[in-house]
Protein backbone atom coordinates (compact mmCIF):
# COMPACT_ATOMS: atom_id res chain seq x y z
CA MET A 1 -0.01 0.06 -0.01
CA TYR A 2 0.95 3.67 -0.39
CA ALA A 3 0.68 6.15 2.25
CA GLY A 4 1.53 9.62 0.65
CA ASN A 5 4.71 8.84 -1.27
CA LYS A 6 5.90 5.74 0.63
CA ARG A 7 5.06 2.31 -0.28
CA TYR A 8 4.82 -0.42 2.39
CA ASP A 9 4.64 -4.08 1.27
CA GLY A 10 5.04 -5.86 4.45
CA PRO A 11 5.99 -5.47 8.14
CA ALA A 12 9.50 -5.61 7.26
CA ASP A 13 9.07 -2.11 5.69
CA LEU A 14 7.95 -0.78 9.09
CA PRO A 15 10.09 0.05 12.28
CA GLN A 16 9.99 -2.01 15.40
CA ILE A 17 10.08 1.17 17.55
CA ILE A 18 7.83 4.26 17.00
CA PRO A 19 6.80 7.27 18.83
CA VAL A 20 3.32 6.92 20.13
CA PHE A 21 0.51 9.53 20.62
CA PRO A 22 -2.00 8.56 23.17
CA LEU A 23 -5.41 10.36 22.53
CA PRO A 24 -8.76 9.02 23.87
CA GLY A 25 -11.60 8.46 21.39
CA ALA A 26 -9.30 8.94 18.41
CA LEU A 27 -9.46 6.27 15.85
CA LEU A 28 -7.01 5.79 12.83
CA LEU A 29 -7.53 2.89 10.44
CA PRO A 30 -5.36 1.76 7.51
CA ARG A 31 -5.96 4.08 4.42
CA GLY A 32 -7.93 6.46 6.53
CA GLU A 33 -6.86 10.10 7.19
CA LEU A 34 -6.88 11.57 10.62
CA PRO A 35 -6.36 15.41 11.03
CA LEU A 36 -4.52 16.42 14.39
CA GLN A 37 -3.83 19.59 15.96
CA ILE A 38 -0.53 19.24 17.92
CA PHE A 39 0.26 21.84 20.56
CA GLU A 40 1.69 19.99 23.72
CA PRO A 41 5.57 20.68 23.53
CA ARG A 42 6.58 16.94 23.99
CA TYR A 43 4.36 16.10 21.05
CA VAL A 44 5.33 19.18 18.89
CA ALA A 45 8.96 17.44 19.55
CA MET A 46 7.53 14.12 18.44
CA ILE A 47 6.17 15.57 15.16
CA ASP A 48 9.78 17.18 14.53
CA ALA A 49 11.44 13.96 15.18
CA ALA A 50 9.05 12.00 12.95
CA LEU A 51 9.62 14.64 10.09
CA ALA A 52 13.37 13.94 10.49
CA GLY A 53 12.90 10.25 10.26
CA ASP A 54 10.36 7.97 8.69
CA ARG A 55 7.23 10.40 9.24
CA LEU A 56 5.39 7.53 11.18
CA ILE A 57 3.46 8.03 14.48
CA GLY A 58 1.46 5.35 16.43
CA MET A 59 -1.98 6.49 17.37
CA ILE A 60 -3.11 4.68 20.43
CA GLN A 61 -5.75 5.14 23.18
CA PRO A 62 -5.16 5.18 26.99
CA VAL A 63 -6.79 2.41 28.71
CA PHE A 64 -10.46 3.33 29.43
CA ALA A 65 -10.22 3.65 33.21
CA THR A 66 -7.82 6.53 32.74
CA LYS A 67 -8.97 9.87 34.56
CA PRO A 68 -8.96 13.12 32.53
CA GLU A 69 -6.37 14.62 35.09
CA GLU A 70 -4.01 11.69 34.30
CA LEU A 71 -3.96 12.31 30.55
CA SER A 72 -1.14 14.91 30.68
CA GLY A 73 1.05 12.32 32.46
CA ASN A 74 1.89 8.75 31.10
CA PRO A 75 -1.31 6.76 31.38
CA GLU A 76 -1.27 3.13 30.60
CA LEU A 77 -1.88 2.33 26.97
CA CYS A 78 -4.26 -0.06 25.19
CA LYS A 79 -2.46 -2.97 23.66
CA VAL A 80 -3.54 -2.23 19.92
CA GLY A 81 -3.10 1.09 17.89
CA CYS A 82 -2.49 2.14 14.33
CA VAL A 83 0.57 3.75 12.88
CA GLY A 84 0.05 6.49 10.52
CA ARG A 85 2.46 8.40 8.21
CA ILE A 86 2.45 12.22 8.15
CA THR A 87 1.18 13.08 4.76
CA ALA A 88 0.09 16.81 5.39
CA LEU A 89 1.60 19.38 7.70
CA VAL A 90 0.86 23.23 8.20
CA GLU A 91 2.74 25.33 10.90
CA SER A 92 0.38 27.74 12.63
CA GLY A 93 3.06 30.23 13.41
CA ASP A 94 2.44 30.06 17.16
CA GLY A 95 4.08 26.69 17.93
CA ARG A 96 1.36 24.35 16.83
CA TYR A 97 1.14 21.86 13.91
CA HIS A 98 -1.78 20.95 11.90
CA VAL A 99 -1.09 17.48 10.62
CA THR A 100 -2.80 14.78 8.78
CA LEU A 101 -2.11 11.10 9.33
CA THR A 102 -2.74 8.57 6.70
CA GLY A 103 -3.06 5.17 8.36
CA VAL A 104 -0.78 2.30 7.39
CA SER A 105 -1.14 -0.61 9.71
CA ARG A 106 -2.48 -1.68 13.01
CA PHE A 107 0.04 -2.79 15.56
CA ARG A 108 0.38 -4.61 18.90
CA LEU A 109 2.27 -2.70 21.72
CA ILE A 110 5.01 -4.97 23.10
CA GLU A 111 6.62 -2.57 25.64
CA GLU A 112 7.14 1.14 26.03
CA ILE A 113 10.91 2.32 25.50
CA ASP A 114 12.60 4.93 27.61
CA ARG A 115 15.07 6.78 25.17
CA LYS A 116 15.47 9.92 27.05
CA VAL A 117 13.13 11.93 25.05
CA SER A 118 10.12 14.06 26.10
CA TYR A 119 7.46 12.02 24.05
CA ARG A 120 6.46 8.37 24.39
CA GLN A 121 7.86 5.61 22.40
CA ALA A 122 7.12 1.85 22.10
CA ARG A 123 8.48 -1.24 20.79
CA ILE A 124 5.60 -2.93 18.78
CA SER A 125 4.67 -5.54 16.25
CA PHE A 126 2.92 -5.70 12.92
CA ASP A 127 2.95 -9.41 12.40
CA GLU A 128 -0.61 -10.07 13.21
CA TYR A 129 -1.85 -7.28 11.15
CA ALA A 130 0.24 -7.87 7.94
CA GLY A 131 -3.05 -8.03 6.13
CA ASP A 132 -3.77 -4.33 6.74
CA LEU A 133 -0.90 -3.49 4.12
CA GLY A 134 -3.19 -5.28 1.24
CA GLU A 135 -6.55 -4.17 -0.02
CA ALA A 136 -9.27 -5.23 2.31
CA ASP A 137 -11.97 -7.69 0.99
CA GLY A 138 -15.36 -5.77 0.86
CA GLY A 139 -17.31 -8.60 -0.85
CA SER A 140 -18.42 -10.08 2.44
CA VAL A 141 -19.51 -6.88 3.99
CA ASP A 142 -23.38 -6.47 4.18
CA ARG A 143 -23.17 -2.95 2.59
CA THR A 144 -26.95 -2.73 2.28
CA ALA A 145 -27.46 -3.26 5.97
CA LEU A 146 -24.57 -0.71 6.74
CA LEU A 147 -26.19 2.11 4.36
CA ASN A 148 -29.67 1.23 6.06
CA THR A 149 -28.19 1.75 9.64
CA LEU A 150 -26.59 4.85 8.46
CA LYS A 151 -29.66 6.29 7.16
CA ALA A 152 -31.64 5.44 10.32
CA TYR A 153 -28.94 7.21 12.28
CA LEU A 154 -28.85 10.34 10.27
CA GLU A 155 -32.79 10.54 10.26
CA ALA A 156 -32.88 10.00 14.06
CA ASN A 157 -30.29 12.81 14.56
CA ASN A 158 -31.74 15.28 11.91
CA LEU A 159 -28.37 14.95 9.85
CA GLU A 160 -27.70 14.97 6.24
CA THR A 161 -24.88 13.45 4.11
CA ASP A 162 -23.74 13.19 0.53
CA TRP A 163 -25.16 9.99 -0.64
CA ASP A 164 -23.94 10.22 -4.10
CA SER A 165 -20.33 10.09 -2.80
CA ILE A 166 -21.21 7.43 -0.21
CA ARG A 167 -22.44 5.10 -3.04
CA LYS A 168 -19.44 5.65 -5.09
CA ALA A 169 -17.12 4.96 -2.25
CA SER A 170 -15.32 1.44 -2.04
CA THR A 171 -16.68 -0.70 0.76
CA GLU A 172 -13.19 -0.45 2.62
CA ILE A 173 -13.28 3.33 2.47
CA LEU A 174 -16.77 3.44 3.48
CA VAL A 175 -16.50 1.26 6.54
CA ASN A 176 -13.34 2.67 7.77
CA ALA A 177 -14.48 6.28 7.19
CA LEU A 178 -17.68 5.75 8.85
CA SER A 179 -16.01 4.02 11.78
CA MET A 180 -13.45 6.85 12.25
CA MET A 181 -16.22 9.51 12.06
CA SER A 182 -18.50 7.88 14.41
CA PRO A 183 -19.51 9.77 17.49
CA TYR A 184 -18.95 6.83 19.97
CA GLY A 185 -16.70 6.51 23.01
CA PRO A 186 -13.26 5.21 23.53
CA ALA A 187 -14.37 1.66 24.23
CA GLU A 188 -16.41 1.32 20.92
CA LYS A 189 -13.56 2.98 18.92
CA GLN A 190 -11.31 0.43 20.28
CA ALA A 191 -13.60 -2.45 19.35
CA LEU A 192 -13.71 -1.11 15.83
CA LEU A 193 -9.99 -0.87 15.69
CA GLU A 194 -9.54 -4.50 16.99
CA ALA A 195 -12.09 -6.08 14.68
CA PRO A 196 -10.30 -8.75 13.00
CA ASP A 197 -11.48 -7.92 9.39
CA LEU A 198 -13.61 -5.46 7.31
CA LYS A 199 -16.70 -7.59 7.66
CA ALA A 200 -16.38 -7.90 11.45
CA ARG A 201 -15.71 -3.98 11.70
CA ALA A 202 -18.89 -3.24 9.64
CA ASP A 203 -20.93 -5.81 11.86
CA THR A 204 -19.55 -3.99 14.88
CA LEU A 205 -20.33 -0.66 13.67
CA ILE A 206 -23.92 -1.70 12.65
CA ALA A 207 -24.50 -3.24 16.25
CA ILE A 208 -23.05 -0.22 18.12
CA THR A 209 -25.35 2.04 15.96
CA GLU A 210 -28.32 -0.08 16.59
CA MET A 211 -27.79 -0.16 20.19
CA GLU A 212 -27.52 3.83 20.22
CA LEU A 213 -30.67 4.06 18.26
CA ALA A 214 -32.55 1.85 20.47
CA ARG A 215 -31.08 3.82 23.65
CA SER A 216 -32.14 7.34 22.06
CA SER A 217 -35.59 6.08 21.14
CA ASP A 218 -36.06 4.83 24.73
CA PRO A 219 -34.76 7.23 27.40
CA GLY A 220 -35.35 4.59 30.09
CA SER A 221 -33.25 1.86 28.36
CA THR A 222 -30.50 0.14 30.33
CA LEU A 223 -28.58 -0.90 27.33
CA GLN A 224 -24.86 -0.99 28.04
């Protein structure tokens, strides 16, 4: 696969140690694009280091029990994240970066590495997610069910969308884009990330959305 100008054919094309950016509720998936605003000094330093190297950053969530006041420290991390390549960058002029990451592959966190830098780094493995570097098989996805669920969600929330663009999108792009843009919490986003394949991710997204629709239609619901 290509991310920007770089081609990645297999896990051997990716480093074993990467900087990681913990961000609750952020979901990056292969070939997806995630815009970020970077302002904390240690993560500005992370961007500078990535630009001087292979331009790769691992997006990963803190564990869900992390309290808001702990996020500025070094909270424990989930075990699965997704590495992205910096494919767009704008300097704000006041010390911030506006960057876009293009997803390359999911990874499993093996251990954090202390290399005397301000940002966090980890040893990771791509082996179990080697398939992310090839085009996903969208043939097994129930695209009709996905679109029907999306339509029901939009109608329930008085939202509109560009249906023409959605119908033209490949199934992989559609499933991953809807997953990344979904308004759900960190646990749901992690479930979408860790889904073993595109069909499982689509089924998970449909199930989460149907639960949300049921909850919103019945304020007294105890659905979890």
